[in-house]
C-alpha atoms as a PDB file:
ATOM      1  CA  MET A   1      59.704   6.491  23.429  1.00  0.00           C
ATOM      2  CA  SER A   2      57.618   6.058  20.141  1.00  0.00           C
ATOM      3  CA  ALA A   3      54.647   8.607  19.224  1.00  0.00           C
ATOM      4  CA  CYS A   4      53.305   6.233  17.562  1.00  0.00           C
ATOM      5  CA  CYS A   5      50.111   4.004  18.718  1.00  0.00           C
ATOM      6  CA  PRO A   6      51.970   0.354  19.125  1.00  0.00           C
ATOM      7  CA  VAL A   7      48.378  -1.070  18.434  1.00  0.00           C
ATOM      8  CA  CYS A   8      48.028   0.013  15.375  1.00  0.00           C
ATOM      9  CA  GLY A   9      50.644   2.152  14.405  1.00  0.00           C
ATOM     10  CA  GLU A  10      48.867   6.139  14.388  1.00  0.00           C
ATOM     11  CA  THR A  11      50.138   8.669  16.343  1.00  0.00           C
ATOM     12  CA  ASP A  12      48.940   8.137  19.855  1.00  0.00           C
ATOM     13  CA  ASN A  13      47.515  11.121  21.958  1.00  0.00           C
ATOM     14  CA  ILE A  14      44.548   9.569  24.716  1.00  0.00           C
ATOM     15  CA  ASN A  15      41.762  11.506  22.303  1.00  0.00           C
ATOM     16  CA  HIS A  16      43.102   8.154  19.942  1.00  0.00           C
ATOM     17  CA  ILE A  17      43.372   5.999  22.866  1.00  0.00           C
ATOM     18  CA  ASP A  18      39.360   6.740  24.566  1.00  0.00           C
ATOM     19  CA  LEU A  19      37.931   7.134  20.682  1.00  0.00           C
ATOM     20  CA  ARG A  20      40.206   7.289  17.315  1.00  0.00           C
ATOM     21  CA  CYS A  21      42.514   3.996  17.218  1.00  0.00           C
ATOM     22  CA  PRO A  22      41.065   1.579  14.683  1.00  0.00           C
ATOM     23  CA  ASN A  23      41.850  -1.699  16.586  1.00  0.00           C
ATOM     24  CA  SER A  24      38.917  -3.945  16.364  1.00  0.00           C
ATOM     25  CA  THR A  25      39.827  -4.863  19.928  1.00  0.00           C
ATOM     26  CA  LEU A  26      39.335  -0.866  21.099  1.00  0.00           C
ATOM     27  CA  SER A  27      37.045   0.132  19.187  1.00  0.00           C
ATOM     28  CA  GLY A  28      34.833  -1.917  20.517  1.00  0.00           C
ATOM     29  CA  MET A  29      35.627  -1.634  24.628  1.00  0.00           C
ATOM     30  CA  HIS A  30      34.516   2.117  23.406  1.00  0.00           C
ATOM     31  CA  THR A  31      31.644   0.998  21.539  1.00  0.00           C
ATOM     32  CA  SER A  32      30.556  -1.154  25.705  1.00  0.00           C
ATOM     33  CA  ARG A  33      31.876   1.285  27.285  1.00  0.00           C
ATOM     34  CA  HIS A  34      29.230   3.586  25.347  1.00  0.00           C
ATOM     35  CA  HIS A  35      26.119   1.250  25.504  1.00  0.00           C
ATOM     36  CA  VAL A  36      26.377   0.753  29.155  1.00  0.00           C
ATOM     37  CA  ALA A  37      26.494   4.586  29.705  1.00  0.00           C
ATOM     38  CA  LEU A  38      23.532   5.215  27.828  1.00  0.00           C
ATOM     39  CA  ARG A  39      21.288   1.900  29.113  1.00  0.00           C
ATOM     40  CA  PHE A  40      22.254   3.397  32.991  1.00  0.00           C
ATOM     41  CA  CYS A  41      20.646   6.708  31.688  1.00  0.00           C
ATOM     42  CA  ILE A  42      17.932   5.013  30.215  1.00  0.00           C
ATOM     43  CA  LYS A  43      17.286   3.183  33.143  1.00  0.00           C
ATOM     44  CA  THR A  44      17.589   6.048  35.052  1.00  0.00           C
ATOM     45  CA  LEU A  45      15.116   8.167  33.197  1.00  0.00           C
ATOM     46  CA  CYS A  46      12.299   5.428  33.028  1.00  0.00           C
ATOM     47  CA  GLN A  47      12.560   5.496  37.229  1.00  0.00           C
ATOM     48  CA  GLY A  48      10.720   8.273  36.333  1.00  0.00           C
ATOM     49  CA  LYS A  49      14.171  10.217  39.242  1.00  0.00           C
ATOM     50  CA  GLY A  50      13.427  14.130  38.679  1.00  0.00           C
ATOM     51  CA  LYS A  51      11.467  16.329  38.105  1.00  0.00           C
ATOM     52  CA  TYR A  52      11.141  14.949  33.806  1.00  0.00           C
ATOM     53  CA  GLY A  53      11.764  11.803  34.582  1.00  0.00           C
ATOM     54  CA  SER A  54       9.992   9.351  33.385  1.00  0.00           C
ATOM     55  CA  SER A  55       8.497  11.608  30.030  1.00  0.00           C
ATOM     56  CA  LEU A  56      11.742  11.369  28.053  1.00  0.00           C
ATOM     57  CA  ILE A  57      13.529   9.112  26.412  1.00  0.00           C
ATOM     58  CA  GLY A  58      15.590   8.721  23.011  1.00  0.00           C
ATOM     59  CA  LYS A  59      16.106   4.844  22.456  1.00  0.00           C
ATOM     60  CA  ASP A  60      17.929   4.177  18.682  1.00  0.00           C
ATOM     61  CA  ALA A  61      21.447   3.264  20.721  1.00  0.00           C
ATOM     62  CA  CYS A  62      21.687  -0.600  21.719  1.00  0.00           C
ATOM     63  CA  GLN A  63      19.285  -2.680  20.414  1.00  0.00           C
ATOM     64  CA  ASN A  64      21.865  -5.401  21.565  1.00  0.00           C
END
């Protein structure tokens, strides 16, 4: 068993798998997962859930 990522050859660990592998497919999956989570947060805030839900919206990501 190697301590290197089988995709890019860098040192393999949980942080590398989740965030840092420079492989374009994995990087795209991370970005997509981030955008899904951000859209969920924005949708929840826009629905006015919670005390300040409808008054706090910041969106400079997920422009697509």
